[in-house]
């Protein structure tokens, strides 16, 4: 992707945090017919490999695990906070009118060769970990063991595991760094006043990059 130096995020902890808070990845693979994209939730194991390892599963009926070129690297795109930015928030508009809208966003691209896994214990552990990750914090967290064992066994037999050791990871944080300081502050303030979770998150991101 196009990546001006002032938009590049290099801190691996920041990149991992985005994956963990926005785990639904767009997994782009290469097969004989070209590119295929699947949208699936991933688990990040930050302790495995130089840049971490991604784990997920797909339906056995999904042909991707049979058609993928495992010799070629695939790409997983994780989209973080994003929003339209109106020039009405810029003090510069009142000075000379030389402002235009833009779009702020955060995104992580994780590259690596996918491994196809059929091992039942691996699959069971992966869906267990995925469930724990998203049920934690709920008043009464649902557990895989809450369902009948034979039911879970049948479902596990209907999925295939995907493991991607990350060999290259890139982050882009386009959060108003290329705007005038007054306009950046105006953007952060206006977003905070909107009050919804996404706007508050972007307001924090803009503010965090104010020198």
N, C-alpha and C. Protein backbone atom coordinates (compact mmCIF):
# COMPACT_ATOMS: atom_id res chain seq x y z
N UNK A 1 0.84 -1.19 0.00
CA UNK A 1 0.00 0.00 0.00
C UNK A 1 0.88 1.24 0.00
N UNK A 2 0.30 2.36 -0.42
CA UNK A 2 1.00 3.63 -0.38
C UNK A 2 1.21 4.02 1.08
N UNK A 3 2.46 4.32 1.46
CA UNK A 3 2.78 4.52 2.87
C UNK A 3 3.78 5.65 3.06
N UNK A 4 3.31 6.90 3.10
CA UNK A 4 4.20 8.00 3.44
C UNK A 4 4.83 7.77 4.81
N UNK A 5 6.05 8.20 4.99
CA UNK A 5 6.77 7.91 6.23
C UNK A 5 6.05 8.43 7.47
N UNK A 6 5.34 9.57 7.34
CA UNK A 6 4.68 10.14 8.53
C UNK A 6 3.39 9.39 8.88
N UNK A 7 2.98 8.46 8.03
CA UNK A 7 1.81 7.63 8.34
C UNK A 7 2.21 6.22 8.78
N UNK A 8 3.48 5.89 8.72
CA UNK A 8 3.91 4.52 9.03
C UNK A 8 3.98 4.30 10.53
N UNK A 9 3.38 3.20 10.99
CA UNK A 9 3.45 2.79 12.39
C UNK A 9 4.36 1.57 12.48
N UNK A 10 5.45 1.68 13.24
CA UNK A 10 6.44 0.61 13.31
C UNK A 10 6.44 -0.15 14.63
N UNK A 11 5.77 0.36 15.63
CA UNK A 11 5.78 -0.27 16.95
C UNK A 11 4.95 -1.56 16.90
N UNK A 12 5.62 -2.69 17.06
CA UNK A 12 4.95 -3.99 16.95
C UNK A 12 3.84 -4.13 17.99
N UNK A 13 4.04 -3.55 19.16
CA UNK A 13 3.00 -3.64 20.19
C UNK A 13 1.73 -2.91 19.75
N UNK A 14 1.89 -1.80 19.07
CA UNK A 14 0.74 -1.04 18.57
C UNK A 14 0.04 -1.82 17.46
N UNK A 15 0.82 -2.43 16.57
CA UNK A 15 0.25 -3.22 15.49
C UNK A 15 -0.51 -4.42 16.04
N UNK A 16 0.09 -5.10 17.00
CA UNK A 16 -0.57 -6.25 17.61
C UNK A 16 -1.86 -5.84 18.32
N UNK A 17 -1.83 -4.68 18.98
CA UNK A 17 -3.02 -4.22 19.70
C UNK A 17 -4.19 -4.01 18.75
N UNK A 18 -3.91 -3.47 17.56
CA UNK A 18 -4.99 -3.29 16.59
C UNK A 18 -5.58 -4.63 16.16
N UNK A 19 -4.71 -5.61 15.91
CA UNK A 19 -5.19 -6.94 15.52
C UNK A 19 -6.07 -7.54 16.61
N UNK A 20 -5.65 -7.36 17.86
CA UNK A 20 -6.39 -7.96 18.97
C UNK A 20 -7.73 -7.27 19.22
N UNK A 21 -7.81 -5.99 18.93
CA UNK A 21 -9.08 -5.26 19.15
C UNK A 21 -9.97 -5.26 17.91
N UNK A 22 -9.40 -5.56 16.75
CA UNK A 22 -10.17 -5.64 15.49
C UNK A 22 -9.78 -6.94 14.78
N UNK A 23 -10.17 -8.08 15.35
CA UNK A 23 -9.64 -9.37 14.88
C UNK A 23 -10.24 -9.92 13.59
N UNK A 24 -11.29 -9.29 13.06
CA UNK A 24 -11.86 -9.78 11.81
C UNK A 24 -10.96 -9.33 10.66
N UNK A 25 -10.24 -10.29 10.09
CA UNK A 25 -9.29 -9.97 9.03
C UNK A 25 -9.81 -10.31 7.65
N UNK A 26 -9.39 -9.53 6.67
CA UNK A 26 -9.65 -9.87 5.27
C UNK A 26 -8.44 -10.65 4.78
N UNK A 27 -8.62 -11.97 4.64
CA UNK A 27 -7.52 -12.86 4.27
C UNK A 27 -7.49 -13.00 2.75
N UNK A 28 -6.45 -12.48 2.14
CA UNK A 28 -6.32 -12.47 0.69
C UNK A 28 -5.30 -13.54 0.28
N UNK A 29 -5.74 -14.49 -0.54
CA UNK A 29 -4.90 -15.61 -0.95
C UNK A 29 -4.79 -15.67 -2.48
N UNK A 30 -3.79 -16.39 -2.93
CA UNK A 30 -3.56 -16.56 -4.36
C UNK A 30 -3.81 -18.02 -4.75
N UNK A 31 -4.60 -18.20 -5.80
CA UNK A 31 -4.79 -19.54 -6.34
C UNK A 31 -4.68 -19.48 -7.87
N UNK A 32 -4.99 -20.56 -8.54
CA UNK A 32 -4.82 -20.61 -10.00
C UNK A 32 -5.70 -19.61 -10.74
N UNK A 33 -6.78 -19.17 -10.10
CA UNK A 33 -7.70 -18.25 -10.75
C UNK A 33 -7.45 -16.79 -10.37
N UNK A 34 -6.45 -16.56 -9.52
CA UNK A 34 -6.16 -15.19 -9.10
C UNK A 34 -6.28 -15.04 -7.59
N UNK A 35 -6.79 -13.90 -7.16
CA UNK A 35 -6.89 -13.62 -5.74
C UNK A 35 -8.28 -13.96 -5.20
N UNK A 36 -8.30 -14.45 -3.95
CA UNK A 36 -9.54 -14.74 -3.25
C UNK A 36 -9.48 -14.07 -1.88
N UNK A 37 -10.59 -13.48 -1.45
CA UNK A 37 -10.63 -12.84 -0.13
C UNK A 37 -11.69 -13.51 0.74
N UNK A 38 -11.31 -13.84 1.95
CA UNK A 38 -12.24 -14.37 2.94
C UNK A 38 -12.13 -13.52 4.21
N UNK A 39 -13.27 -13.29 4.83
CA UNK A 39 -13.31 -12.46 6.04
C UNK A 39 -13.54 -13.37 7.24
N UNK A 40 -12.52 -13.51 8.07
CA UNK A 40 -12.60 -14.44 9.19
C UNK A 40 -11.91 -13.85 10.42
N UNK A 41 -12.37 -14.20 11.62
CA UNK A 41 -11.71 -13.71 12.85
C UNK A 41 -10.43 -14.51 13.13
N UNK A 42 -9.40 -13.79 13.52
CA UNK A 42 -8.12 -14.41 13.82
C UNK A 42 -7.76 -14.26 15.29
N UNK A 43 -6.94 -15.18 15.77
CA UNK A 43 -6.31 -15.07 17.07
C UNK A 43 -4.83 -14.77 16.82
N UNK A 44 -4.29 -13.83 17.56
CA UNK A 44 -2.87 -13.52 17.44
C UNK A 44 -2.11 -14.14 18.60
N UNK A 45 -1.11 -14.96 18.28
CA UNK A 45 -0.18 -15.45 19.29
C UNK A 45 1.09 -14.62 19.16
N UNK A 46 1.19 -13.57 19.97
CA UNK A 46 2.30 -12.62 19.85
C UNK A 46 3.64 -13.22 20.25
N UNK A 47 3.62 -14.33 20.98
CA UNK A 47 4.86 -14.92 21.49
C UNK A 47 5.54 -15.86 20.49
N UNK A 48 4.86 -16.18 19.41
CA UNK A 48 5.41 -17.14 18.45
C UNK A 48 5.90 -16.43 17.19
N UNK A 49 7.18 -16.56 16.91
CA UNK A 49 7.74 -15.96 15.71
C UNK A 49 8.19 -14.53 15.94
N UNK A 50 8.93 -14.00 14.98
CA UNK A 50 9.47 -12.65 15.10
C UNK A 50 8.38 -11.59 15.16
N UNK A 51 7.31 -11.80 14.41
CA UNK A 51 6.23 -10.81 14.35
C UNK A 51 4.90 -11.36 14.87
N UNK A 52 4.91 -12.57 15.42
CA UNK A 52 3.69 -13.19 15.90
C UNK A 52 3.13 -14.19 14.89
N UNK A 53 2.14 -14.95 15.32
CA UNK A 53 1.50 -15.97 14.47
C UNK A 53 -0.01 -15.83 14.56
N UNK A 54 -0.67 -15.90 13.41
CA UNK A 54 -2.12 -15.81 13.35
C UNK A 54 -2.74 -17.20 13.26
N UNK A 55 -3.85 -17.41 13.96
CA UNK A 55 -4.58 -18.67 13.89
C UNK A 55 -6.05 -18.39 13.59
N UNK A 56 -6.65 -19.27 12.81
CA UNK A 56 -8.07 -19.12 12.48
C UNK A 56 -8.59 -20.45 11.96
N UNK A 57 -9.85 -20.46 11.57
CA UNK A 57 -10.41 -21.66 10.93
C UNK A 57 -11.44 -21.22 9.89
N UNK A 58 -11.64 -22.08 8.92
CA UNK A 58 -12.66 -21.86 7.89
C UNK A 58 -13.51 -23.12 7.78
N UNK A 59 -14.65 -22.98 7.19
CA UNK A 59 -15.51 -24.14 6.95
C UNK A 59 -14.82 -25.10 5.98
N UNK A 60 -14.92 -26.38 6.26
CA UNK A 60 -14.35 -27.37 5.34
C UNK A 60 -14.96 -27.24 3.95
N UNK A 61 -16.19 -26.73 3.88
CA UNK A 61 -16.84 -26.54 2.58
C UNK A 61 -16.27 -25.36 1.81
N UNK A 62 -15.51 -24.51 2.50
CA UNK A 62 -14.88 -23.37 1.83
C UNK A 62 -13.69 -23.88 1.02
N UNK A 63 -13.65 -23.67 -0.28
CA UNK A 63 -12.59 -24.25 -1.11
C UNK A 63 -11.22 -23.62 -0.92
N UNK A 64 -11.14 -22.55 -0.14
CA UNK A 64 -9.87 -21.83 -0.06
C UNK A 64 -8.72 -22.71 0.42
N UNK A 65 -8.99 -23.64 1.34
CA UNK A 65 -7.91 -24.45 1.89
C UNK A 65 -7.39 -25.47 0.88
N UNK A 66 -8.18 -25.73 -0.15
CA UNK A 66 -7.76 -26.67 -1.19
C UNK A 66 -7.13 -25.97 -2.39
N UNK A 67 -7.55 -24.74 -2.65
CA UNK A 67 -7.09 -24.04 -3.84
C UNK A 67 -5.93 -23.10 -3.59
N UNK A 68 -5.66 -22.75 -2.33
CA UNK A 68 -4.62 -21.79 -2.02
C UNK A 68 -3.24 -22.29 -2.47
N UNK A 69 -2.45 -21.38 -2.96
CA UNK A 69 -1.05 -21.67 -3.28
C UNK A 69 -0.24 -21.48 -2.00
N UNK A 70 0.03 -22.58 -1.29
CA UNK A 70 0.70 -22.48 0.01
C UNK A 70 2.16 -22.08 -0.13
N UNK A 71 2.70 -22.13 -1.34
CA UNK A 71 4.08 -21.70 -1.55
C UNK A 71 4.18 -20.18 -1.63
N UNK A 72 3.05 -19.51 -1.84
CA UNK A 72 3.04 -18.05 -1.95
C UNK A 72 2.53 -17.44 -0.65
N UNK A 73 3.06 -16.28 -0.32
CA UNK A 73 2.59 -15.58 0.87
C UNK A 73 1.18 -15.07 0.66
N UNK A 74 0.40 -15.10 1.72
CA UNK A 74 -0.93 -14.50 1.68
C UNK A 74 -0.91 -13.24 2.54
N UNK A 75 -1.99 -12.50 2.48
CA UNK A 75 -2.08 -11.21 3.17
C UNK A 75 -3.35 -11.17 4.00
N UNK A 76 -3.22 -10.71 5.25
CA UNK A 76 -4.40 -10.49 6.09
C UNK A 76 -4.45 -9.01 6.44
N UNK A 77 -5.58 -8.38 6.13
CA UNK A 77 -5.76 -6.95 6.36
C UNK A 77 -6.69 -6.75 7.55
N UNK A 78 -6.21 -6.01 8.55
CA UNK A 78 -7.02 -5.70 9.73
C UNK A 78 -7.31 -4.21 9.73
N UNK A 79 -8.59 -3.86 9.72
CA UNK A 79 -9.02 -2.47 9.67
C UNK A 79 -9.39 -1.99 11.07
N UNK A 80 -8.73 -0.93 11.52
CA UNK A 80 -9.04 -0.34 12.81
C UNK A 80 -10.01 0.81 12.68
N UNK A 81 -9.88 1.78 13.56
CA UNK A 81 -10.77 2.94 13.54
C UNK A 81 -10.64 3.69 12.22
N UNK A 82 -11.77 4.19 11.72
CA UNK A 82 -11.78 4.94 10.46
C UNK A 82 -12.99 5.86 10.45
N UNK A 83 -12.83 7.03 9.84
CA UNK A 83 -13.95 7.95 9.76
C UNK A 83 -13.68 9.06 8.75
N UNK A 84 -14.73 9.63 8.24
CA UNK A 84 -14.68 10.81 7.36
C UNK A 84 -14.32 12.03 8.20
N UNK A 85 -13.51 12.91 7.64
CA UNK A 85 -13.11 14.14 8.31
C UNK A 85 -13.59 15.32 7.47
N UNK A 86 -14.48 16.14 8.01
CA UNK A 86 -15.00 17.29 7.29
C UNK A 86 -14.11 18.51 7.50
N UNK A 87 -13.90 19.32 6.46
CA UNK A 87 -13.10 20.54 6.61
C UNK A 87 -13.78 21.59 7.47
N UNK A 88 -15.06 21.39 7.79
CA UNK A 88 -15.75 22.32 8.68
C UNK A 88 -15.13 22.34 10.08
N UNK A 89 -14.34 21.29 10.39
CA UNK A 89 -13.69 21.24 11.70
C UNK A 89 -12.36 21.99 11.72
N UNK A 90 -11.93 22.49 10.58
CA UNK A 90 -10.62 23.12 10.47
C UNK A 90 -10.71 24.64 10.65
N UNK A 91 -9.99 25.21 11.61
CA UNK A 91 -9.91 26.67 11.70
C UNK A 91 -9.37 27.30 10.41
N UNK A 92 -8.54 26.57 9.68
CA UNK A 92 -7.98 27.09 8.43
C UNK A 92 -9.07 27.47 7.43
N UNK A 93 -10.21 26.79 7.52
CA UNK A 93 -11.32 27.10 6.60
C UNK A 93 -11.73 28.57 6.74
N UNK A 94 -11.72 29.05 7.96
CA UNK A 94 -12.14 30.44 8.19
C UNK A 94 -11.08 31.43 7.74
N UNK A 95 -9.83 30.98 7.67
CA UNK A 95 -8.74 31.88 7.30
C UNK A 95 -8.63 32.07 5.80
N UNK A 96 -8.61 30.96 5.06
CA UNK A 96 -8.40 31.08 3.61
C UNK A 96 -9.24 30.12 2.77
N UNK A 97 -9.97 29.23 3.41
CA UNK A 97 -10.82 28.31 2.67
C UNK A 97 -10.09 27.21 1.93
N UNK A 98 -8.77 27.15 2.09
CA UNK A 98 -7.98 26.18 1.33
C UNK A 98 -7.90 24.85 2.09
N UNK A 99 -9.04 24.20 2.20
CA UNK A 99 -9.13 22.91 2.90
C UNK A 99 -10.08 22.01 2.13
N UNK A 100 -9.90 20.72 2.27
CA UNK A 100 -10.76 19.72 1.62
C UNK A 100 -11.02 18.58 2.60
N UNK A 101 -12.06 17.79 2.35
CA UNK A 101 -12.30 16.64 3.22
C UNK A 101 -11.20 15.59 3.08
N UNK A 102 -11.14 14.71 4.05
CA UNK A 102 -10.22 13.58 3.98
C UNK A 102 -10.83 12.42 4.75
N UNK A 103 -10.11 11.31 4.80
CA UNK A 103 -10.57 10.13 5.55
C UNK A 103 -9.43 9.65 6.42
N UNK A 104 -9.68 9.54 7.70
CA UNK A 104 -8.69 9.02 8.63
C UNK A 104 -8.93 7.53 8.86
N UNK A 105 -7.85 6.79 9.04
CA UNK A 105 -8.01 5.35 9.28
C UNK A 105 -6.71 4.76 9.84
N UNK A 106 -6.87 3.60 10.44
CA UNK A 106 -5.73 2.81 10.89
C UNK A 106 -5.89 1.40 10.30
N UNK A 107 -4.78 0.83 9.86
CA UNK A 107 -4.85 -0.48 9.21
C UNK A 107 -3.53 -1.22 9.40
N UNK A 108 -3.62 -2.54 9.50
CA UNK A 108 -2.43 -3.39 9.60
C UNK A 108 -2.49 -4.43 8.50
N UNK A 109 -1.39 -4.60 7.79
CA UNK A 109 -1.24 -5.65 6.79
C UNK A 109 -0.25 -6.68 7.33
N UNK A 110 -0.69 -7.92 7.48
CA UNK A 110 0.17 -9.00 7.95
C UNK A 110 0.39 -10.00 6.82
N UNK A 111 1.65 -10.29 6.51
CA UNK A 111 1.98 -11.19 5.41
C UNK A 111 2.58 -12.49 5.96
N UNK A 112 2.32 -13.59 5.30
CA UNK A 112 2.92 -14.86 5.69
C UNK A 112 2.33 -16.02 4.90
N UNK A 113 3.07 -17.13 4.86
CA UNK A 113 2.60 -18.32 4.17
C UNK A 113 1.67 -19.12 5.09
N UNK A 114 0.49 -19.43 4.59
CA UNK A 114 -0.50 -20.13 5.39
C UNK A 114 -0.23 -21.63 5.45
N UNK A 115 -0.47 -22.20 6.63
CA UNK A 115 -0.41 -23.64 6.82
C UNK A 115 -1.83 -24.15 7.04
N UNK A 116 -2.16 -25.23 6.38
CA UNK A 116 -3.49 -25.84 6.51
C UNK A 116 -3.41 -26.94 7.56
N UNK A 117 -4.29 -26.90 8.55
CA UNK A 117 -4.20 -27.82 9.68
C UNK A 117 -5.51 -28.59 9.87
N UNK A 118 -5.37 -29.91 10.01
CA UNK A 118 -6.54 -30.77 10.20
C UNK A 118 -6.57 -31.39 11.61
N UNK A 119 -5.53 -31.19 12.39
CA UNK A 119 -5.43 -31.82 13.70
C UNK A 119 -6.59 -31.40 14.61
N UNK A 120 -7.31 -32.39 15.12
CA UNK A 120 -8.51 -32.11 15.91
C UNK A 120 -8.19 -31.31 17.17
N UNK A 121 -7.13 -31.67 17.88
CA UNK A 121 -6.79 -30.97 19.12
C UNK A 121 -6.43 -29.51 18.85
N UNK A 122 -5.72 -29.28 17.75
CA UNK A 122 -5.37 -27.91 17.37
C UNK A 122 -6.64 -27.10 17.09
N UNK A 123 -7.55 -27.71 16.36
CA UNK A 123 -8.80 -27.03 16.02
C UNK A 123 -9.63 -26.73 17.27
N UNK A 124 -9.73 -27.71 18.16
CA UNK A 124 -10.49 -27.52 19.38
C UNK A 124 -9.87 -26.43 20.25
N UNK A 125 -8.55 -26.40 20.34
CA UNK A 125 -7.87 -25.37 21.12
C UNK A 125 -8.08 -24.00 20.50
N UNK A 126 -8.07 -23.92 19.17
CA UNK A 126 -8.24 -22.64 18.50
C UNK A 126 -9.64 -22.08 18.72
N UNK A 127 -10.68 -22.91 18.58
CA UNK A 127 -12.03 -22.37 18.80
C UNK A 127 -12.26 -22.07 20.28
N UNK A 128 -11.58 -22.81 21.16
CA UNK A 128 -11.67 -22.53 22.59
C UNK A 128 -11.03 -21.18 22.90
N UNK A 129 -9.84 -20.94 22.34
CA UNK A 129 -9.14 -19.67 22.57
C UNK A 129 -9.92 -18.50 21.97
N UNK A 130 -10.49 -18.71 20.79
CA UNK A 130 -11.25 -17.65 20.14
C UNK A 130 -12.48 -17.30 20.98
N UNK A 131 -13.13 -18.33 21.51
CA UNK A 131 -14.30 -18.10 22.36
C UNK A 131 -13.93 -17.36 23.63
N UNK A 132 -12.86 -17.78 24.29
CA UNK A 132 -12.43 -17.12 25.53
C UNK A 132 -12.12 -15.65 25.28
N UNK A 133 -11.48 -15.37 24.15
CA UNK A 133 -11.08 -14.00 23.84
C UNK A 133 -12.29 -13.08 23.74
N UNK A 134 -13.37 -13.58 23.16
CA UNK A 134 -14.52 -12.71 22.92
C UNK A 134 -15.62 -12.85 23.97
N UNK A 135 -15.55 -13.87 24.81
CA UNK A 135 -16.53 -14.01 25.88
C UNK A 135 -16.04 -13.40 27.20
N UNK A 136 -14.73 -13.19 27.31
CA UNK A 136 -14.19 -12.65 28.55
C UNK A 136 -14.78 -11.26 28.81
N UNK A 137 -15.11 -11.02 30.05
CA UNK A 137 -15.71 -9.73 30.40
C UNK A 137 -17.22 -9.72 30.39
N UNK A 138 -17.82 -10.76 29.81
CA UNK A 138 -19.28 -10.84 29.82
C UNK A 138 -19.76 -11.36 31.18
N UNK A 139 -20.97 -11.00 31.59
CA UNK A 139 -21.46 -11.42 32.91
C UNK A 139 -21.46 -12.94 33.09
N UNK A 140 -21.82 -13.67 32.05
CA UNK A 140 -21.85 -15.14 32.12
C UNK A 140 -21.20 -15.68 30.85
N UNK A 141 -19.87 -15.73 30.79
CA UNK A 141 -19.17 -16.12 29.56
C UNK A 141 -19.57 -17.53 29.10
N UNK A 142 -19.88 -17.65 27.81
CA UNK A 142 -20.18 -18.95 27.24
C UNK A 142 -18.87 -19.69 26.99
N UNK A 143 -18.86 -21.00 27.24
CA UNK A 143 -17.68 -21.83 27.04
C UNK A 143 -18.00 -22.93 26.03
N UNK A 144 -17.01 -23.37 25.31
CA UNK A 144 -17.20 -24.46 24.35
C UNK A 144 -17.77 -25.68 25.05
N UNK A 145 -17.33 -25.91 26.28
CA UNK A 145 -17.80 -27.07 27.04
C UNK A 145 -19.26 -26.96 27.46
N UNK A 146 -19.87 -25.80 27.26
CA UNK A 146 -21.30 -25.66 27.58
C UNK A 146 -22.18 -26.42 26.58
N UNK A 147 -21.65 -26.65 25.38
CA UNK A 147 -22.39 -27.39 24.36
C UNK A 147 -22.10 -28.88 24.49
N UNK A 148 -23.00 -29.75 24.06
CA UNK A 148 -22.76 -31.20 24.14
C UNK A 148 -21.50 -31.59 23.37
N UNK A 149 -20.73 -32.51 23.93
CA UNK A 149 -19.45 -32.91 23.34
C UNK A 149 -19.62 -33.45 21.93
N UNK A 150 -20.65 -34.25 21.71
CA UNK A 150 -20.83 -34.84 20.38
C UNK A 150 -21.19 -33.76 19.34
N UNK A 151 -21.87 -32.72 19.81
CA UNK A 151 -22.21 -31.59 18.93
C UNK A 151 -20.95 -30.84 18.52
N UNK A 152 -20.07 -30.57 19.48
CA UNK A 152 -18.80 -29.88 19.20
C UNK A 152 -17.94 -30.74 18.29
N UNK A 153 -17.90 -32.05 18.54
CA UNK A 153 -17.11 -32.95 17.69
C UNK A 153 -17.56 -32.87 16.24
N UNK A 154 -18.85 -32.81 16.04
CA UNK A 154 -19.39 -32.75 14.69
C UNK A 154 -19.00 -31.43 14.01
N UNK A 155 -19.04 -30.35 14.78
CA UNK A 155 -18.68 -29.05 14.23
C UNK A 155 -17.17 -28.98 13.93
N UNK A 156 -16.36 -29.54 14.81
CA UNK A 156 -14.90 -29.52 14.60
C UNK A 156 -14.55 -30.28 13.33
N UNK A 157 -15.27 -31.36 13.06
CA UNK A 157 -14.99 -32.13 11.85
C UNK A 157 -15.37 -31.38 10.58
N UNK A 158 -16.11 -30.28 10.74
CA UNK A 158 -16.58 -29.52 9.59
C UNK A 158 -15.75 -28.25 9.34
N UNK A 159 -14.60 -28.13 10.06
CA UNK A 159 -13.76 -26.96 9.86
C UNK A 159 -12.32 -27.37 9.58
N UNK A 160 -11.56 -26.44 9.06
CA UNK A 160 -10.13 -26.64 8.76
C UNK A 160 -9.36 -25.48 9.37
N UNK A 161 -8.21 -25.78 9.94
CA UNK A 161 -7.41 -24.76 10.60
C UNK A 161 -6.49 -24.01 9.64
N UNK A 162 -6.25 -22.75 9.98
CA UNK A 162 -5.33 -21.90 9.23
C UNK A 162 -4.34 -21.30 10.21
N UNK A 163 -3.06 -21.46 9.93
CA UNK A 163 -2.03 -20.86 10.77
C UNK A 163 -1.08 -20.07 9.87
N UNK A 164 -0.83 -18.81 10.23
CA UNK A 164 0.02 -17.95 9.41
C UNK A 164 1.10 -17.31 10.27
N UNK A 165 2.32 -17.85 10.24
CA UNK A 165 3.43 -17.16 10.90
C UNK A 165 3.69 -15.85 10.15
N UNK A 166 3.65 -14.72 10.85
CA UNK A 166 3.80 -13.42 10.19
C UNK A 166 5.27 -13.18 9.86
N UNK A 167 5.56 -13.05 8.57
CA UNK A 167 6.93 -12.78 8.13
C UNK A 167 7.18 -11.30 7.86
N UNK A 168 6.10 -10.55 7.65
CA UNK A 168 6.22 -9.11 7.38
C UNK A 168 4.94 -8.44 7.83
N UNK A 169 5.06 -7.34 8.55
CA UNK A 169 3.87 -6.65 9.05
C UNK A 169 4.05 -5.15 8.87
N UNK A 170 3.00 -4.51 8.38
CA UNK A 170 3.04 -3.07 8.07
C UNK A 170 1.82 -2.40 8.67
N UNK A 171 2.02 -1.23 9.27
CA UNK A 171 0.91 -0.48 9.83
C UNK A 171 0.84 0.93 9.26
N UNK A 172 -0.37 1.37 8.96
CA UNK A 172 -0.58 2.74 8.49
C UNK A 172 -1.58 3.43 9.40
N UNK A 173 -1.14 4.52 10.01
CA UNK A 173 -1.97 5.33 10.89
C UNK A 173 -2.14 6.70 10.22
N UNK A 174 -3.21 6.85 9.45
CA UNK A 174 -3.50 8.14 8.80
C UNK A 174 -4.46 8.88 9.72
N UNK A 175 -3.91 9.67 10.62
CA UNK A 175 -4.70 10.30 11.67
C UNK A 175 -4.39 11.80 11.75
N UNK A 176 -4.48 12.45 10.59
CA UNK A 176 -4.37 13.91 10.47
C UNK A 176 -2.96 14.47 10.66
N UNK A 177 -1.93 13.60 10.59
CA UNK A 177 -0.57 14.11 10.80
C UNK A 177 -0.16 15.15 9.77
N UNK A 178 -0.74 15.12 8.57
CA UNK A 178 -0.32 16.03 7.51
C UNK A 178 -1.16 17.30 7.47
N UNK A 179 -1.98 17.53 8.49
CA UNK A 179 -2.77 18.76 8.56
C UNK A 179 -2.08 19.78 9.47
N UNK A 180 -2.48 21.04 9.34
CA UNK A 180 -1.95 22.09 10.21
C UNK A 180 -2.31 21.76 11.66
N UNK A 181 -1.47 22.17 12.60
CA UNK A 181 -1.69 21.82 13.99
C UNK A 181 -3.06 22.28 14.49
N UNK A 182 -3.47 23.49 14.12
CA UNK A 182 -4.79 23.98 14.55
C UNK A 182 -5.91 23.10 14.02
N UNK A 183 -5.74 22.63 12.79
CA UNK A 183 -6.77 21.77 12.18
C UNK A 183 -6.78 20.40 12.84
N UNK A 184 -5.63 19.92 13.24
CA UNK A 184 -5.56 18.63 13.94
C UNK A 184 -6.27 18.72 15.29
N UNK A 185 -6.01 19.82 16.00
CA UNK A 185 -6.66 20.01 17.29
C UNK A 185 -8.17 20.18 17.12
N UNK A 186 -8.57 20.90 16.06
CA UNK A 186 -9.99 21.06 15.79
C UNK A 186 -10.67 19.75 15.47
N UNK A 187 -9.97 18.90 14.73
CA UNK A 187 -10.50 17.57 14.39
C UNK A 187 -10.69 16.72 15.63
N UNK A 188 -9.67 16.69 16.49
CA UNK A 188 -9.76 15.89 17.72
C UNK A 188 -10.90 16.35 18.60
N UNK A 189 -11.06 17.66 18.72
CA UNK A 189 -12.12 18.21 19.56
C UNK A 189 -13.51 17.89 19.00
N UNK A 190 -13.67 18.05 17.68
CA UNK A 190 -14.97 17.79 17.06
C UNK A 190 -15.34 16.32 17.15
N UNK A 191 -14.38 15.45 16.92
CA UNK A 191 -14.65 14.01 17.02
C UNK A 191 -15.06 13.63 18.44
N UNK A 192 -14.39 14.21 19.44
CA UNK A 192 -14.72 13.92 20.83
C UNK A 192 -16.15 14.34 21.15
N UNK A 193 -16.59 15.46 20.58
CA UNK A 193 -17.95 15.94 20.84
C UNK A 193 -19.01 15.04 20.22
N UNK A 194 -18.67 14.33 19.14
CA UNK A 194 -19.63 13.41 18.54
C UNK A 194 -20.01 12.31 19.52
N UNK A 195 -19.02 11.84 20.30
CA UNK A 195 -19.32 10.97 21.44
C UNK A 195 -19.48 9.49 21.18
N UNK A 196 -19.62 9.05 19.91
CA UNK A 196 -19.75 7.61 19.67
C UNK A 196 -18.37 6.95 19.81
N UNK A 197 -18.37 5.64 19.97
CA UNK A 197 -17.13 4.93 20.27
C UNK A 197 -16.07 5.11 19.19
N UNK A 198 -16.49 5.03 17.92
CA UNK A 198 -15.53 5.15 16.84
C UNK A 198 -14.93 6.55 16.78
N UNK A 199 -15.78 7.58 16.94
CA UNK A 199 -15.29 8.96 16.91
C UNK A 199 -14.36 9.24 18.09
N UNK A 200 -14.70 8.72 19.26
CA UNK A 200 -13.84 8.91 20.43
C UNK A 200 -12.49 8.24 20.23
N UNK A 201 -12.52 7.04 19.61
CA UNK A 201 -11.26 6.34 19.35
C UNK A 201 -10.38 7.13 18.39
N UNK A 202 -10.99 7.67 17.32
CA UNK A 202 -10.21 8.44 16.37
C UNK A 202 -9.73 9.75 16.97
N UNK A 203 -10.54 10.38 17.80
CA UNK A 203 -10.12 11.59 18.49
C UNK A 203 -8.86 11.32 19.31
N UNK A 204 -8.85 10.20 20.01
CA UNK A 204 -7.67 9.83 20.79
C UNK A 204 -6.45 9.59 19.93
N UNK A 205 -6.67 8.96 18.77
CA UNK A 205 -5.56 8.70 17.86
C UNK A 205 -4.97 9.99 17.30
N UNK A 206 -5.85 10.93 16.91
CA UNK A 206 -5.38 12.22 16.41
C UNK A 206 -4.61 12.95 17.50
N UNK A 207 -5.16 12.97 18.71
CA UNK A 207 -4.51 13.66 19.82
C UNK A 207 -3.16 13.04 20.16
N UNK A 208 -3.06 11.73 20.03
CA UNK A 208 -1.82 11.05 20.39
C UNK A 208 -0.67 11.40 19.45
N UNK A 209 -0.99 11.89 18.23
CA UNK A 209 0.04 12.23 17.27
C UNK A 209 0.28 13.73 17.19
N UNK A 210 -0.30 14.48 18.12
CA UNK A 210 -0.05 15.93 18.17
C UNK A 210 1.28 16.15 18.89
N UNK A 211 2.22 16.79 18.23
CA UNK A 211 3.55 17.00 18.80
C UNK A 211 3.51 18.06 19.88
